[in-house]
């Protein structure tokens, strides 16, 4: 009795074609709370179920503390170096709608 060439691979999933997910942010987002996240911080997302493929998300911008105590929106330039200090969000979080893939 011979065994097929694929013996031992039963139940192993194959790679799917296409894109199953799309980023909700145009800029990079990191989940490491100790690093600046240029795309801001997302706390939650909830689908609207209204046929528009949108979600309601809570989001806060990335802010850094300047040496004079003021805050600035994160950029690639002001988030480099060992002395970067993140500022807390100006409000707990805001909310906005997001259309995945756009």
Protein backbone atom coordinates (compact mmCIF):
# COMPACT_ATOMS: atom_id res chain seq x y z
CA UNK A 1 0.00 0.00 0.00
CA UNK A 2 1.49 3.34 -1.02
CA UNK A 3 1.02 6.61 0.79
CA UNK A 4 0.22 9.85 -1.00
CA UNK A 5 2.93 12.50 -1.32
CA UNK A 6 0.93 14.81 0.95
CA UNK A 7 0.83 12.39 3.88
CA UNK A 8 1.06 14.24 7.19
CA UNK A 9 -0.33 17.51 5.82
CA UNK A 10 -4.01 16.80 6.38
CA UNK A 11 -5.66 19.74 8.13
CA UNK A 12 -2.82 22.17 7.44
CA UNK A 13 -4.36 25.42 6.17
CA UNK A 14 -3.10 26.93 2.96
CA UNK A 15 -2.40 30.62 2.47
CA UNK A 16 -5.44 32.63 1.44
CA UNK A 17 -5.27 34.88 -1.61
CA UNK A 18 -6.15 38.56 -1.36
CA UNK A 19 -6.27 41.00 1.53
CA UNK A 20 -8.44 40.23 4.53
CA UNK A 21 -7.54 43.31 6.55
CA UNK A 22 -6.80 46.96 5.95
CA UNK A 23 -5.15 49.49 8.22
CA UNK A 24 -7.47 51.94 9.96
CA UNK A 25 -4.68 54.53 10.19
CA UNK A 26 -2.71 56.27 7.46
CA UNK A 27 0.37 56.48 9.72
CA UNK A 28 1.97 53.61 11.59
CA UNK A 29 0.43 52.61 14.91
CA UNK A 30 2.35 50.78 17.60
CA UNK A 31 0.83 48.91 20.53
CA UNK A 32 3.93 49.44 22.70
CA UNK A 33 2.87 52.08 25.24
CA UNK A 34 6.52 53.03 25.83
CA UNK A 35 7.07 54.11 22.21
CA UNK A 36 5.54 57.05 20.34
CA UNK A 37 2.86 55.98 17.87
CA UNK A 38 2.74 58.38 14.91
CA UNK A 39 -0.77 57.21 14.04
CA UNK A 40 -2.03 57.91 17.56
CA UNK A 41 -3.64 55.46 19.96
CA UNK A 42 -6.80 53.48 19.36
CA UNK A 43 -8.71 52.20 22.38
CA UNK A 44 -11.73 50.48 20.84
CA UNK A 45 -13.68 49.94 17.64
CA UNK A 46 -17.32 49.07 17.08
CA UNK A 47 -18.98 48.27 13.74
CA UNK A 48 -21.91 50.52 12.81
CA UNK A 49 -23.94 47.77 11.07
CA UNK A 50 -25.57 50.31 8.76
CA UNK A 51 -24.38 48.84 5.46
CA UNK A 52 -21.58 51.39 5.00
CA UNK A 53 -18.67 49.19 6.21
CA UNK A 54 -17.75 51.85 8.79
CA UNK A 55 -16.66 51.57 12.42
CA UNK A 56 -16.87 53.94 15.37
CA UNK A 57 -13.40 54.14 16.91
CA UNK A 58 -11.93 55.91 19.91
CA UNK A 59 -8.64 57.60 19.11
CA UNK A 60 -6.14 60.02 20.64
CA UNK A 61 -3.30 61.78 18.80
CA UNK A 62 0.35 61.09 19.53
CA UNK A 63 1.84 64.02 21.44
CA UNK A 64 5.35 64.69 22.71
CA UNK A 65 6.47 67.07 25.46
CA UNK A 66 8.81 69.81 24.28
CA UNK A 67 11.63 71.02 26.53
CA UNK A 68 9.61 74.15 27.40
CA UNK A 69 6.68 72.02 28.65
CA UNK A 70 4.46 72.60 25.62
CA UNK A 71 3.15 69.73 23.52
CA UNK A 72 3.53 68.98 19.82
CA UNK A 73 1.99 66.42 17.51
CA UNK A 74 4.38 63.52 16.87
CA UNK A 75 6.43 63.58 13.70
CA UNK A 76 9.24 61.36 12.46
CA UNK A 77 11.70 64.10 13.48
CA UNK A 78 10.49 64.86 17.03
CA UNK A 79 10.11 61.22 18.10
CA UNK A 80 13.76 60.26 17.53
CA UNK A 81 16.34 60.07 20.29
CA UNK A 82 16.64 58.87 23.86
CA UNK A 83 15.09 61.95 25.52
CA UNK A 84 11.68 61.82 23.83
CA UNK A 85 8.88 62.19 26.37
CA UNK A 86 5.32 61.40 25.43
CA UNK A 87 2.59 63.75 26.57
CA UNK A 88 -0.70 62.38 27.85
CA UNK A 89 -3.66 62.69 25.46
CA UNK A 90 -5.41 66.10 25.71
CA UNK A 91 -8.72 64.39 26.47
CA UNK A 92 -9.40 60.82 27.51
CA UNK A 93 -10.17 59.88 23.88
CA UNK A 94 -12.20 61.26 21.02
CA UNK A 95 -14.38 59.28 18.67
CA UNK A 96 -14.59 59.23 14.91
CA UNK A 97 -15.84 56.94 12.18
CA UNK A 98 -13.48 54.92 10.05
CA UNK A 99 -14.09 53.27 6.71
CA UNK A 100 -11.69 50.33 6.38
CA UNK A 101 -9.74 50.29 3.14
CA UNK A 102 -10.15 53.98 2.33
